[in-house]
Amino acid sequence: MITRKLSGILLLLLLFAMGYSIQRLICSKTRRRVHDTEHLAASQSPSGHPTPTVSREPLIVAPGSSSESDAAPPASLPTYEECICKRLPTYEESLLESSLKQSKAKFQARVA
């Protein structure tokens, strides 16, 4: 009884080790390929590390800046009541609509 449990555990351990080693082989090849292309594309600093790139576009625009006047005015969002009053179709209704559209398109294709 104990030997069956041990052999099952050993079999699972063997399968895990095989899968892990195969995964390491496959992933290391792709990682190496990606790393080599990045290594060639990136400029190197004297220390051997790639230099960081800096974006020239600000993430947050300060109010009253000149770039704000160039941008479009912010869109006003609807109120909660406006959103709640809209009736959205149920799943069944949307399926019925799509099947009606498909049958209408097929009918028009046959007629034309």
N, C-alpha and C. Protein backbone atom coordinates (compact mmCIF):
# COMPACT_ATOMS: atom_id res chain seq x y z
N MET A 1 0.82 -1.19 0.00
CA MET A 1 0.00 0.00 0.00
C MET A 1 0.87 1.26 0.00
N ILE A 2 1.89 1.25 0.83
CA ILE A 2 2.79 2.40 0.92
C ILE A 2 3.60 2.53 -0.36
N THR A 3 3.99 1.40 -0.95
CA THR A 3 4.79 1.45 -2.17
C THR A 3 3.98 2.06 -3.32
N ARG A 4 2.67 1.81 -3.37
CA ARG A 4 1.84 2.41 -4.42
C ARG A 4 1.78 3.93 -4.26
N LYS A 5 1.62 4.39 -3.04
CA LYS A 5 1.57 5.83 -2.80
C LYS A 5 2.91 6.47 -3.15
N LEU A 6 4.00 5.81 -2.74
CA LEU A 6 5.32 6.36 -3.03
C LEU A 6 5.60 6.37 -4.53
N SER A 7 5.20 5.31 -5.22
CA SER A 7 5.44 5.28 -6.66
C SER A 7 4.59 6.34 -7.37
N GLY A 8 3.37 6.57 -6.89
CA GLY A 8 2.55 7.63 -7.47
C GLY A 8 3.15 9.00 -7.26
N ILE A 9 3.65 9.23 -6.05
CA ILE A 9 4.29 10.51 -5.74
C ILE A 9 5.56 10.69 -6.58
N LEU A 10 6.34 9.61 -6.69
CA LEU A 10 7.56 9.69 -7.50
C LEU A 10 7.24 9.95 -8.98
N LEU A 11 6.18 9.34 -9.47
CA LEU A 11 5.77 9.54 -10.85
C LEU A 11 5.34 11.00 -11.07
N LEU A 12 4.57 11.54 -10.13
CA LEU A 12 4.16 12.95 -10.24
C LEU A 12 5.37 13.87 -10.16
N LEU A 13 6.31 13.55 -9.29
CA LEU A 13 7.51 14.35 -9.18
C LEU A 13 8.34 14.30 -10.46
N LEU A 14 8.42 13.14 -11.06
CA LEU A 14 9.15 12.98 -12.32
C LEU A 14 8.47 13.79 -13.43
N LEU A 15 7.14 13.72 -13.52
CA LEU A 15 6.42 14.48 -14.53
C LEU A 15 6.59 15.98 -14.32
N PHE A 16 6.55 16.40 -13.07
CA PHE A 16 6.75 17.82 -12.76
C PHE A 16 8.14 18.27 -13.19
N ALA A 17 9.15 17.48 -12.88
CA ALA A 17 10.53 17.84 -13.23
C ALA A 17 10.70 17.90 -14.75
N MET A 18 10.10 16.96 -15.46
CA MET A 18 10.20 16.97 -16.92
C MET A 18 9.52 18.21 -17.50
N GLY A 19 8.33 18.52 -17.01
CA GLY A 19 7.62 19.69 -17.49
C GLY A 19 8.35 20.97 -17.19
N TYR A 20 8.91 21.05 -16.01
CA TYR A 20 9.66 22.23 -15.61
C TYR A 20 10.89 22.42 -16.49
N SER A 21 11.60 21.34 -16.75
CA SER A 21 12.81 21.46 -17.57
C SER A 21 12.46 21.82 -19.01
N ILE A 22 11.38 21.26 -19.54
CA ILE A 22 10.96 21.60 -20.90
C ILE A 22 10.55 23.07 -20.97
N GLN A 23 9.82 23.52 -19.97
CA GLN A 23 9.40 24.92 -19.92
C GLN A 23 10.61 25.84 -19.85
N ARG A 24 11.60 25.48 -19.05
CA ARG A 24 12.81 26.30 -18.94
C ARG A 24 13.55 26.36 -20.27
N LEU A 25 13.60 25.24 -20.99
CA LEU A 25 14.27 25.23 -22.28
C LEU A 25 13.56 26.12 -23.28
N ILE A 26 12.25 26.00 -23.35
CA ILE A 26 11.48 26.77 -24.32
C ILE A 26 11.51 28.25 -23.98
N CYS A 27 11.28 28.57 -22.73
CA CYS A 27 11.23 29.98 -22.33
C CYS A 27 12.59 30.65 -22.39
N SER A 28 13.65 29.93 -22.13
CA SER A 28 14.97 30.55 -22.18
C SER A 28 15.34 30.91 -23.61
N LYS A 29 14.89 30.11 -24.58
CA LYS A 29 15.18 30.43 -25.98
C LYS A 29 14.47 31.71 -26.39
N THR A 30 13.19 31.83 -26.05
CA THR A 30 12.46 33.04 -26.43
C THR A 30 12.96 34.24 -25.64
N ARG A 31 13.30 34.04 -24.37
CA ARG A 31 13.80 35.13 -23.55
C ARG A 31 15.14 35.62 -24.09
N ARG A 32 15.97 34.69 -24.50
CA ARG A 32 17.26 35.06 -25.06
C ARG A 32 17.08 35.84 -26.35
N ARG A 33 16.14 35.38 -27.21
CA ARG A 33 15.89 36.03 -28.48
C ARG A 33 15.37 37.46 -28.26
N VAL A 34 14.44 37.62 -27.34
CA VAL A 34 13.89 38.95 -27.04
C VAL A 34 14.96 39.83 -26.42
N HIS A 35 15.75 39.26 -25.52
CA HIS A 35 16.80 40.04 -24.86
C HIS A 35 17.85 40.48 -25.87
N ASP A 36 18.20 39.62 -26.83
CA ASP A 36 19.20 39.98 -27.83
C ASP A 36 18.71 41.12 -28.72
N THR A 37 17.44 41.08 -29.13
CA THR A 37 16.92 42.15 -29.97
C THR A 37 16.83 43.46 -29.19
N GLU A 38 16.44 43.39 -27.92
CA GLU A 38 16.40 44.59 -27.10
C GLU A 38 17.80 45.12 -26.86
N HIS A 39 18.74 44.21 -26.69
CA HIS A 39 20.12 44.60 -26.43
C HIS A 39 20.69 45.35 -27.63
N LEU A 40 20.39 44.90 -28.83
CA LEU A 40 20.90 45.56 -30.02
C LEU A 40 20.22 46.90 -30.24
N ALA A 41 18.94 46.99 -29.92
CA ALA A 41 18.19 48.21 -30.18
C ALA A 41 18.48 49.30 -29.15
N ALA A 42 18.72 48.92 -27.93
CA ALA A 42 18.90 49.91 -26.86
C ALA A 42 20.31 50.48 -26.89
N SER A 43 20.39 51.76 -26.60
CA SER A 43 21.72 52.36 -26.49
C SER A 43 22.28 52.03 -25.11
N GLN A 44 23.56 51.83 -25.05
CA GLN A 44 24.18 51.41 -23.80
C GLN A 44 24.90 52.58 -23.14
N SER A 45 24.80 52.65 -21.84
CA SER A 45 25.55 53.64 -21.08
C SER A 45 26.93 53.05 -20.77
N PRO A 46 27.84 53.84 -20.27
CA PRO A 46 29.18 53.31 -19.96
C PRO A 46 29.16 52.18 -18.95
N SER A 47 28.16 52.15 -18.07
CA SER A 47 28.13 51.09 -17.07
C SER A 47 27.60 49.78 -17.64
N GLY A 48 27.11 49.80 -18.88
CA GLY A 48 26.61 48.58 -19.50
C GLY A 48 25.11 48.41 -19.39
N HIS A 49 24.43 49.31 -18.66
CA HIS A 49 22.98 49.24 -18.53
C HIS A 49 22.33 50.13 -19.59
N PRO A 50 21.17 49.76 -20.09
CA PRO A 50 20.51 50.60 -21.08
C PRO A 50 20.09 51.93 -20.47
N THR A 51 20.17 52.98 -21.27
CA THR A 51 19.79 54.30 -20.77
C THR A 51 18.27 54.41 -20.76
N PRO A 52 17.70 55.03 -19.74
CA PRO A 52 16.24 55.17 -19.69
C PRO A 52 15.76 56.19 -20.70
N THR A 53 14.57 55.94 -21.26
CA THR A 53 13.98 56.90 -22.19
C THR A 53 13.04 57.79 -21.42
N VAL A 54 12.97 59.04 -21.82
CA VAL A 54 12.13 60.01 -21.14
C VAL A 54 11.11 60.54 -22.13
N SER A 55 9.85 60.53 -21.74
CA SER A 55 8.80 61.07 -22.58
C SER A 55 8.79 62.58 -22.45
N ARG A 56 8.53 63.26 -23.56
CA ARG A 56 8.47 64.71 -23.52
C ARG A 56 7.05 65.22 -23.34
N GLU A 57 6.07 64.31 -23.34
CA GLU A 57 4.68 64.70 -23.16
C GLU A 57 4.33 64.63 -21.67
N PRO A 58 3.75 65.69 -21.13
CA PRO A 58 3.39 65.66 -19.71
C PRO A 58 2.19 64.76 -19.49
N LEU A 59 2.19 64.08 -18.36
CA LEU A 59 1.07 63.21 -18.02
C LEU A 59 -0.11 64.02 -17.53
N ILE A 60 0.15 65.09 -16.79
CA ILE A 60 -0.90 65.93 -16.25
C ILE A 60 -0.65 67.35 -16.73
N VAL A 61 -1.69 67.96 -17.30
CA VAL A 61 -1.56 69.33 -17.77
C VAL A 61 -2.05 70.25 -16.67
N ALA A 62 -1.26 71.22 -16.33
CA ALA A 62 -1.61 72.17 -15.28
C ALA A 62 -2.74 73.08 -15.76
N PRO A 63 -3.70 73.41 -14.89
CA PRO A 63 -4.78 74.29 -15.32
C PRO A 63 -4.26 75.67 -15.69
N GLY A 64 -4.83 76.22 -16.77
CA GLY A 64 -4.43 77.55 -17.19
C GLY A 64 -3.21 77.56 -18.09
N SER A 65 -2.68 76.40 -18.46
CA SER A 65 -1.51 76.38 -19.33
C SER A 65 -1.96 76.61 -20.77
N SER A 66 -1.02 76.94 -21.64
CA SER A 66 -1.35 77.25 -23.03
C SER A 66 -1.80 76.02 -23.80
N SER A 67 -1.32 74.83 -23.43
CA SER A 67 -1.72 73.62 -24.16
C SER A 67 -3.17 73.24 -23.86
N GLU A 68 -3.70 73.72 -22.74
CA GLU A 68 -5.09 73.41 -22.41
C GLU A 68 -6.05 74.12 -23.35
N SER A 69 -5.68 75.33 -23.78
CA SER A 69 -6.55 76.07 -24.69
C SER A 69 -6.59 75.41 -26.06
N ASP A 70 -5.53 74.70 -26.44
CA ASP A 70 -5.50 74.01 -27.72
C ASP A 70 -6.37 72.77 -27.71
N ALA A 71 -6.52 72.16 -26.56
CA ALA A 71 -7.27 70.91 -26.46
C ALA A 71 -8.77 71.19 -26.50
N ALA A 72 -9.54 70.16 -26.86
CA ALA A 72 -10.99 70.29 -26.91
C ALA A 72 -11.52 70.39 -25.48
N PRO A 73 -12.66 71.04 -25.29
CA PRO A 73 -13.21 71.14 -23.94
C PRO A 73 -13.64 69.76 -23.46
N PRO A 74 -13.54 69.51 -22.15
CA PRO A 74 -13.89 68.18 -21.65
C PRO A 74 -15.37 67.89 -21.86
N ALA A 75 -15.67 66.66 -22.19
CA ALA A 75 -17.05 66.25 -22.42
C ALA A 75 -17.78 66.16 -21.08
N SER A 76 -19.02 66.62 -21.07
CA SER A 76 -19.79 66.54 -19.83
C SER A 76 -20.43 65.16 -19.74
N LEU A 77 -20.30 64.56 -18.60
CA LEU A 77 -20.84 63.23 -18.39
C LEU A 77 -22.32 63.31 -18.03
N PRO A 78 -23.12 62.33 -18.44
CA PRO A 78 -24.54 62.36 -18.08
C PRO A 78 -24.72 62.09 -16.59
N THR A 79 -25.83 62.56 -16.07
CA THR A 79 -26.11 62.34 -14.66
C THR A 79 -26.57 60.91 -14.44
N TYR A 80 -26.63 60.51 -13.19
CA TYR A 80 -27.05 59.15 -12.86
C TYR A 80 -28.48 58.90 -13.32
N GLU A 81 -29.35 59.88 -13.15
CA GLU A 81 -30.75 59.72 -13.54
C GLU A 81 -30.88 59.56 -15.05
N GLU A 82 -30.06 60.28 -15.80
CA GLU A 82 -30.12 60.15 -17.26
C GLU A 82 -29.69 58.75 -17.69
N CYS A 83 -28.73 58.20 -17.01
CA CYS A 83 -28.26 56.86 -17.37
C CYS A 83 -29.26 55.79 -16.98
N ILE A 84 -29.89 55.97 -15.83
CA ILE A 84 -30.79 54.94 -15.32
C ILE A 84 -32.10 54.91 -16.10
N CYS A 85 -32.46 56.03 -16.71
CA CYS A 85 -33.73 56.08 -17.43
C CYS A 85 -33.67 55.35 -18.76
N LYS A 86 -32.49 55.17 -19.31
CA LYS A 86 -32.37 54.46 -20.58
C LYS A 86 -32.64 52.99 -20.36
N ARG A 87 -33.48 52.44 -21.23
CA ARG A 87 -33.79 51.01 -21.12
C ARG A 87 -32.86 50.25 -22.04
N LEU A 88 -32.05 49.40 -21.47
CA LEU A 88 -31.15 48.57 -22.25
C LEU A 88 -31.84 47.26 -22.59
N PRO A 89 -31.58 46.70 -23.78
CA PRO A 89 -32.22 45.44 -24.14
C PRO A 89 -31.67 44.28 -23.32
N THR A 90 -32.51 43.30 -23.09
CA THR A 90 -32.05 42.10 -22.40
C THR A 90 -31.24 41.24 -23.36
N TYR A 91 -30.62 40.22 -22.85
CA TYR A 91 -29.81 39.33 -23.67
C TYR A 91 -30.67 38.68 -24.75
N GLU A 92 -31.86 38.23 -24.36
CA GLU A 92 -32.75 37.57 -25.31
C GLU A 92 -33.20 38.54 -26.40
N GLU A 93 -33.48 39.78 -26.02
CA GLU A 93 -33.89 40.77 -27.01
C GLU A 93 -32.77 41.09 -27.99
N SER A 94 -31.55 41.17 -27.49
CA SER A 94 -30.43 41.44 -28.39
C SER A 94 -30.18 40.27 -29.33
N LEU A 95 -30.38 39.05 -28.84
CA LEU A 95 -30.25 37.89 -29.73
C LEU A 95 -31.33 37.90 -30.79
N LEU A 96 -32.54 38.25 -30.40
CA LEU A 96 -33.65 38.31 -31.35
C LEU A 96 -33.37 39.38 -32.40
N GLU A 97 -32.86 40.54 -31.98
CA GLU A 97 -32.53 41.60 -32.93
C GLU A 97 -31.47 41.14 -33.92
N SER A 98 -30.43 40.50 -33.44
CA SER A 98 -29.36 40.07 -34.33
C SER A 98 -29.83 39.00 -35.29
N SER A 99 -30.69 38.08 -34.82
CA SER A 99 -31.19 37.04 -35.73
C SER A 99 -32.12 37.65 -36.77
N LEU A 100 -32.90 38.68 -36.38
CA LEU A 100 -33.76 39.36 -37.35
C LEU A 100 -32.93 40.09 -38.40
N LYS A 101 -31.85 40.73 -37.97
CA LYS A 101 -30.97 41.42 -38.91
C LYS A 101 -30.32 40.44 -39.87
N GLN A 102 -29.91 39.28 -39.37
CA GLN A 102 -29.27 38.28 -40.22
C GLN A 102 -30.26 37.73 -41.23
N SER A 103 -31.48 37.44 -40.78
CA SER A 103 -32.47 36.89 -41.72
C SER A 103 -32.87 37.93 -42.74
N LYS A 104 -32.94 39.20 -42.35
CA LYS A 104 -33.26 40.26 -43.30
C LYS A 104 -32.15 40.41 -44.33
N ALA A 105 -30.90 40.32 -43.89
CA ALA A 105 -29.77 40.42 -44.81
C ALA A 105 -29.75 39.25 -45.78
N LYS A 106 -30.07 38.05 -45.29
CA LYS A 106 -30.13 36.87 -46.17
C LYS A 106 -31.23 37.02 -47.19
N PHE A 107 -32.37 37.53 -46.76
CA PHE A 107 -33.50 37.72 -47.65
C PHE A 107 -33.16 38.74 -48.73
N GLN A 108 -32.51 39.84 -48.36
CA GLN A 108 -32.12 40.85 -49.33
C GLN A 108 -31.07 40.32 -50.30
N ALA A 109 -30.21 39.44 -49.82
CA ALA A 109 -29.19 38.85 -50.69
C ALA A 109 -29.84 37.93 -51.70
N ARG A 110 -30.88 37.22 -51.30
CA ARG A 110 -31.57 36.31 -52.22
C ARG A 110 -32.35 37.10 -53.26
N VAL A 111 -32.95 38.19 -52.86
CA VAL A 111 -33.76 38.99 -53.78
C VAL A 111 -32.88 39.70 -54.79
N ALA A 112 -31.74 40.15 -54.36
CA ALA A 112 -30.84 40.92 -55.25
C ALA A 112 -30.10 40.07 -56.22
